[in-house]
Amino acid sequence: MKFMLSRPLKRAAKVTCWLGATFCISTALLVLALRWIDPPSSAVILAWELQSGREAQHRWRPLEKISPNLQMAVIAAEDQKFSQHFGFDFASLQKALNEDRRRVRGASTITQQTAKNLFLWHGRSYLRKGLEAWFTLLMEVFWPKERILEVYLNIAEFGDGVYGAQAAAKKYFGTSALYLNRWQAGRMAAVLPNPRRMSARDPSGYVRSRAATINRQVRQLGGTSYLKAL
């Protein structure tokens, strides 16, 4: 009887190991390929399109075609240790947990947000968090920091159905992402935590104040010279 039970268990263990290895290898190859191939969309964009029945506003731009002002504003607003960590900012996470459990999003790095936006879905399940950590690790292994920032800026949500720096710059300021000034960039970065309720084009007092704070933090980080460390 014991022998009869052990065979199905061993078979199940082998299948589980095979599935796990297949998942790890296939996702690693996917992330490696995306180091050079620009993704045409993202999981979050596709989910919005399916839910709304509309086409999202989205246009890809290489990093050199995105204003350094916006690059720095996003780093200052979302992940000031971006050049230093390996995908996870444990100190900021612990601080957020100690101060307010609802503010854990503020401890998510740019790499983590890119992993979530590109591959996953909105939610707080342990499964999604585990997958987010896995894709974060893969991106930090296979992608340079410049590529992580480039993909993030091209798929981040800046408004309802508005994804990526180029679409947002055109919609809100009538310009290209390359020519965003620091005030425009500050407003765009300020709305990232809740882009469907906050507006970069018609900013509330809070967004204006937050944008000013972001611009001060950009200066404290050394301005666009910070980007040389990536």
Protein backbone atom coordinates (compact mmCIF):
# COMPACT_ATOMS: atom_id res chain seq x y z
CA MET A 1 0.00 0.00 0.00
CA LYS A 2 2.83 2.35 0.91
CA PHE A 3 4.56 1.57 -2.39
CA MET A 4 1.35 2.20 -4.33
CA LEU A 5 0.95 5.62 -2.72
CA SER A 6 4.56 6.64 -3.23
CA ARG A 7 4.48 6.23 -7.00
CA PRO A 8 1.72 8.83 -7.60
CA LEU A 9 3.44 11.19 -5.18
CA LYS A 10 6.75 10.84 -6.98
CA ARG A 11 5.04 11.35 -10.31
CA ALA A 12 3.29 14.47 -9.02
CA ALA A 13 6.59 15.76 -7.65
CA LYS A 14 8.27 15.23 -11.01
CA VAL A 15 5.46 17.01 -12.85
CA THR A 16 5.62 19.89 -10.39
CA CYS A 17 9.38 20.20 -10.79
CA TRP A 18 9.05 20.07 -14.58
CA LEU A 19 6.38 22.76 -14.60
CA GLY A 20 8.41 24.94 -12.26
CA ALA A 21 11.55 24.57 -14.36
CA THR A 22 9.61 25.30 -17.55
CA PHE A 23 8.12 28.44 -16.02
CA CYS A 24 11.49 29.69 -14.77
CA ILE A 25 13.26 29.06 -18.06
CA SER A 26 10.50 30.47 -20.27
CA THR A 27 10.06 33.64 -18.21
CA ALA A 28 13.82 34.15 -18.05
CA LEU A 29 14.06 33.87 -21.84
CA LEU A 30 11.12 36.26 -22.25
CA VAL A 31 12.68 38.91 -20.01
CA LEU A 32 16.05 38.46 -21.71
CA ALA A 33 14.47 38.98 -25.14
CA LEU A 34 12.73 42.14 -23.94
CA ARG A 35 16.09 43.66 -23.18
CA TRP A 36 16.27 44.41 -26.91
CA ILE A 37 12.67 44.05 -28.13
CA ASP A 38 10.26 46.85 -27.26
CA PRO A 39 6.99 45.41 -25.91
CA PRO A 40 4.04 46.59 -28.05
CA SER A 41 1.78 46.72 -25.01
CA SER A 42 1.62 45.58 -21.38
CA ALA A 43 -0.62 43.50 -19.14
CA VAL A 44 -2.03 46.61 -17.48
CA ILE A 45 -2.74 48.33 -20.81
CA LEU A 46 -4.44 45.23 -22.22
CA ALA A 47 -6.54 44.89 -19.07
CA TRP A 48 -7.69 48.50 -19.36
CA GLU A 49 -8.60 48.04 -23.03
CA LEU A 50 -10.58 44.87 -22.29
CA GLN A 51 -12.42 46.51 -19.42
CA SER A 52 -13.19 49.80 -21.17
CA GLY A 53 -13.72 48.51 -24.70
CA ARG A 54 -11.52 51.35 -25.97
CA GLU A 55 -8.01 51.62 -27.34
CA ALA A 56 -5.46 53.08 -24.96
CA GLN A 57 -3.40 56.12 -25.90
CA HIS A 58 0.12 54.75 -26.08
CA ARG A 59 3.17 55.37 -28.23
CA TRP A 60 6.66 54.02 -27.59
CA ARG A 61 9.66 56.31 -27.36
CA PRO A 62 13.30 55.30 -26.78
CA LEU A 63 14.86 56.69 -23.62
CA GLU A 64 16.93 59.24 -25.53
CA LYS A 65 13.66 60.68 -26.87
CA ILE A 66 12.27 61.22 -23.36
CA SER A 67 13.22 64.39 -21.52
CA PRO A 68 15.84 63.94 -18.77
CA ASN A 69 13.55 66.22 -16.75
CA LEU A 70 10.88 63.51 -16.72
CA GLN A 71 13.39 60.75 -16.10
CA MET A 72 14.62 62.55 -13.01
CA ALA A 73 11.17 63.61 -11.82
CA VAL A 74 10.00 60.00 -11.86
CA ILE A 75 13.10 58.81 -10.01
CA ALA A 76 12.72 61.55 -7.40
CA ALA A 77 9.03 60.79 -6.95
CA GLU A 78 9.03 57.01 -7.07
CA ASP A 79 12.47 55.56 -6.33
CA GLN A 80 15.33 57.80 -5.23
CA LYS A 81 17.63 54.81 -4.65
CA PHE A 82 17.02 53.46 -8.16
CA SER A 83 20.70 53.57 -9.11
CA GLN A 84 21.79 51.79 -5.92
CA HIS A 85 19.47 48.86 -5.25
CA PHE A 86 18.98 45.51 -6.96
CA GLY A 87 15.26 45.83 -7.46
CA PHE A 88 14.15 45.95 -3.83
CA ASP A 89 14.41 48.79 -1.32
CA PHE A 90 14.01 46.94 1.96
CA ALA A 91 14.74 49.97 4.13
CA SER A 92 11.93 51.99 2.53
CA LEU A 93 9.60 49.00 2.73
CA GLN A 94 10.19 48.60 6.45
CA LYS A 95 9.71 52.33 6.99
CA ALA A 96 6.42 52.28 5.08
CA LEU A 97 5.19 49.30 7.08
CA ASN A 98 6.08 50.99 10.35
CA GLU A 99 4.43 54.29 9.42
CA ASP A 100 1.30 53.18 7.60
CA ARG A 101 0.53 49.78 6.10
CA ARG A 102 -1.61 51.47 3.43
CA ARG A 103 1.46 53.27 2.08
CA VAL A 104 3.44 50.19 1.09
CA ARG A 105 3.10 51.22 -2.56
CA GLY A 106 5.50 54.05 -1.78
CA ALA A 107 8.18 51.46 -1.09
CA SER A 108 7.78 49.76 -4.48
CA THR A 109 10.80 50.40 -6.65
CA ILE A 110 10.64 51.41 -10.30
CA THR A 111 11.74 47.87 -11.19
CA GLN A 112 8.90 46.35 -9.16
CA GLN A 113 6.36 48.69 -10.72
CA THR A 114 7.67 47.86 -14.19
CA ALA A 115 7.37 44.14 -13.49
CA LYS A 116 3.79 44.56 -12.30
CA ASN A 117 2.71 46.83 -15.15
CA LEU A 118 4.37 44.79 -17.89
CA PHE A 119 3.57 41.22 -16.87
CA LEU A 120 0.94 41.11 -14.13
CA TRP A 121 -2.38 42.40 -12.87
CA HIS A 122 -3.55 44.80 -10.18
CA GLY A 123 -4.08 43.15 -6.83
CA ARG A 124 -2.47 42.34 -3.51
CA SER A 125 -2.49 38.55 -3.47
CA TYR A 126 0.58 36.65 -2.33
CA LEU A 127 0.71 34.99 -5.75
CA ARG A 128 0.95 38.30 -7.56
CA LYS A 129 3.52 39.61 -5.11
CA GLY A 130 5.59 36.46 -5.58
CA LEU A 131 5.48 36.75 -9.35
CA GLU A 132 6.32 40.45 -9.09
CA ALA A 133 9.42 39.61 -7.05
CA TRP A 134 10.46 36.96 -9.58
CA PHE A 135 10.11 39.26 -12.60
CA THR A 136 11.82 42.07 -10.67
CA LEU A 137 14.82 39.83 -10.05
CA LEU A 138 14.94 38.76 -13.70
CA MET A 139 14.87 42.35 -14.94
CA GLU A 140 17.64 43.40 -12.59
CA VAL A 141 19.76 40.45 -13.78
CA PHE A 142 19.18 40.86 -17.51
CA TRP A 143 18.44 44.55 -18.06
CA PRO A 144 20.61 47.61 -17.45
CA LYS A 145 19.03 50.33 -15.34
CA GLU A 146 18.52 52.49 -18.43
CA ARG A 147 16.35 49.78 -20.00
CA ILE A 148 14.27 49.39 -16.85
CA LEU A 149 13.65 53.14 -16.76
CA GLU A 150 12.87 53.21 -20.49
CA VAL A 151 10.24 50.48 -20.25
CA TYR A 152 8.73 52.02 -17.11
CA LEU A 153 8.34 55.43 -18.74
CA ASN A 154 6.69 53.86 -21.78
CA ILE A 155 4.04 51.82 -19.95
CA ALA A 156 3.33 53.85 -16.78
CA GLU A 157 -0.23 55.15 -16.50
CA PHE A 158 -0.45 58.97 -16.51
CA GLY A 159 -4.23 59.21 -16.85
CA ASP A 160 -7.32 57.17 -17.63
CA GLY A 161 -6.29 55.26 -20.74
CA VAL A 162 -3.11 57.33 -21.16
CA TYR A 163 0.03 55.22 -20.99
CA GLY A 164 3.63 56.22 -21.49
CA ALA A 165 5.48 59.52 -21.52
CA GLN A 166 4.81 60.35 -25.17
CA ALA A 167 1.04 59.91 -25.05
CA ALA A 168 0.84 61.91 -21.81
CA ALA A 169 3.06 64.74 -23.07
CA LYS A 170 0.93 65.08 -26.22
CA LYS A 171 -2.40 64.93 -24.39
CA TYR A 172 -1.62 67.20 -21.46
CA PHE A 173 0.92 69.67 -22.84
CA GLY A 174 0.75 69.39 -26.63
CA THR A 175 4.42 68.56 -26.90
CA SER A 176 6.77 65.63 -27.36
CA ALA A 177 8.12 63.70 -24.39
CA LEU A 178 11.56 64.93 -25.42
CA TYR A 179 10.70 68.58 -24.78
CA LEU A 180 8.99 68.38 -21.39
CA ASN A 181 10.27 71.07 -19.05
CA ARG A 182 10.85 70.44 -15.37
CA TRP A 183 7.48 71.84 -14.29
CA GLN A 184 5.57 69.67 -16.75
CA ALA A 185 7.69 66.68 -15.77
CA GLY A 186 7.05 67.35 -12.10
CA ARG A 187 3.29 67.36 -12.64
CA MET A 188 3.40 64.12 -14.60
CA ALA A 189 5.43 62.43 -11.88
CA ALA A 190 3.13 63.82 -9.19
CA VAL A 191 0.05 62.06 -10.57
CA LEU A 192 1.64 58.60 -10.82
CA PRO A 193 0.26 57.31 -7.50
CA ASN A 194 -3.33 57.87 -8.67
CA PRO A 195 -3.43 58.98 -12.33
CA ARG A 196 -7.17 58.40 -12.76
CA ARG A 197 -8.06 60.86 -10.01
CA MET A 198 -5.27 63.42 -10.37
CA SER A 199 -4.55 65.54 -13.44
CA ALA A 200 -1.27 66.82 -14.82
CA ARG A 201 -3.06 69.20 -17.20
CA ASP A 202 -5.45 70.71 -14.63
CA PRO A 203 -3.52 70.14 -11.41
CA SER A 204 -5.11 70.50 -8.01
CA GLY A 205 -3.34 72.35 -5.25
CA TYR A 206 -2.01 69.04 -4.00
CA VAL A 207 -0.55 68.12 -7.39
CA ARG A 208 1.09 71.55 -7.71
CA SER A 209 2.59 71.22 -4.24
CA ARG A 210 3.73 67.67 -4.89
CA ALA A 211 5.31 68.70 -8.22
CA ALA A 212 7.23 71.49 -6.47
CA THR A 213 8.47 69.01 -3.87
CA ILE A 214 9.55 66.61 -6.61
CA ASN A 215 11.54 69.36 -8.34
CA ARG A 216 13.29 70.19 -5.07
CA GLN A 217 14.15 66.55 -4.61
CA VAL A 218 15.52 66.40 -8.16
CA ARG A 219 17.93 69.20 -7.28
CA GLN A 220 18.90 67.44 -4.05
CA LEU A 221 19.73 64.30 -6.05
CA GLY A 222 22.08 66.33 -8.24
CA GLY A 223 19.77 67.04 -11.15
CA THR A 224 20.14 65.16 -14.41
CA SER A 225 23.75 64.29 -13.56
CA TYR A 226 22.20 61.54 -11.41
CA LEU A 227 21.36 59.71 -14.65
CA LYS A 228 25.07 59.18 -15.34
CA ALA A 229 25.16 56.69 -12.46
CA LEU A 230 22.64 54.38 -14.11
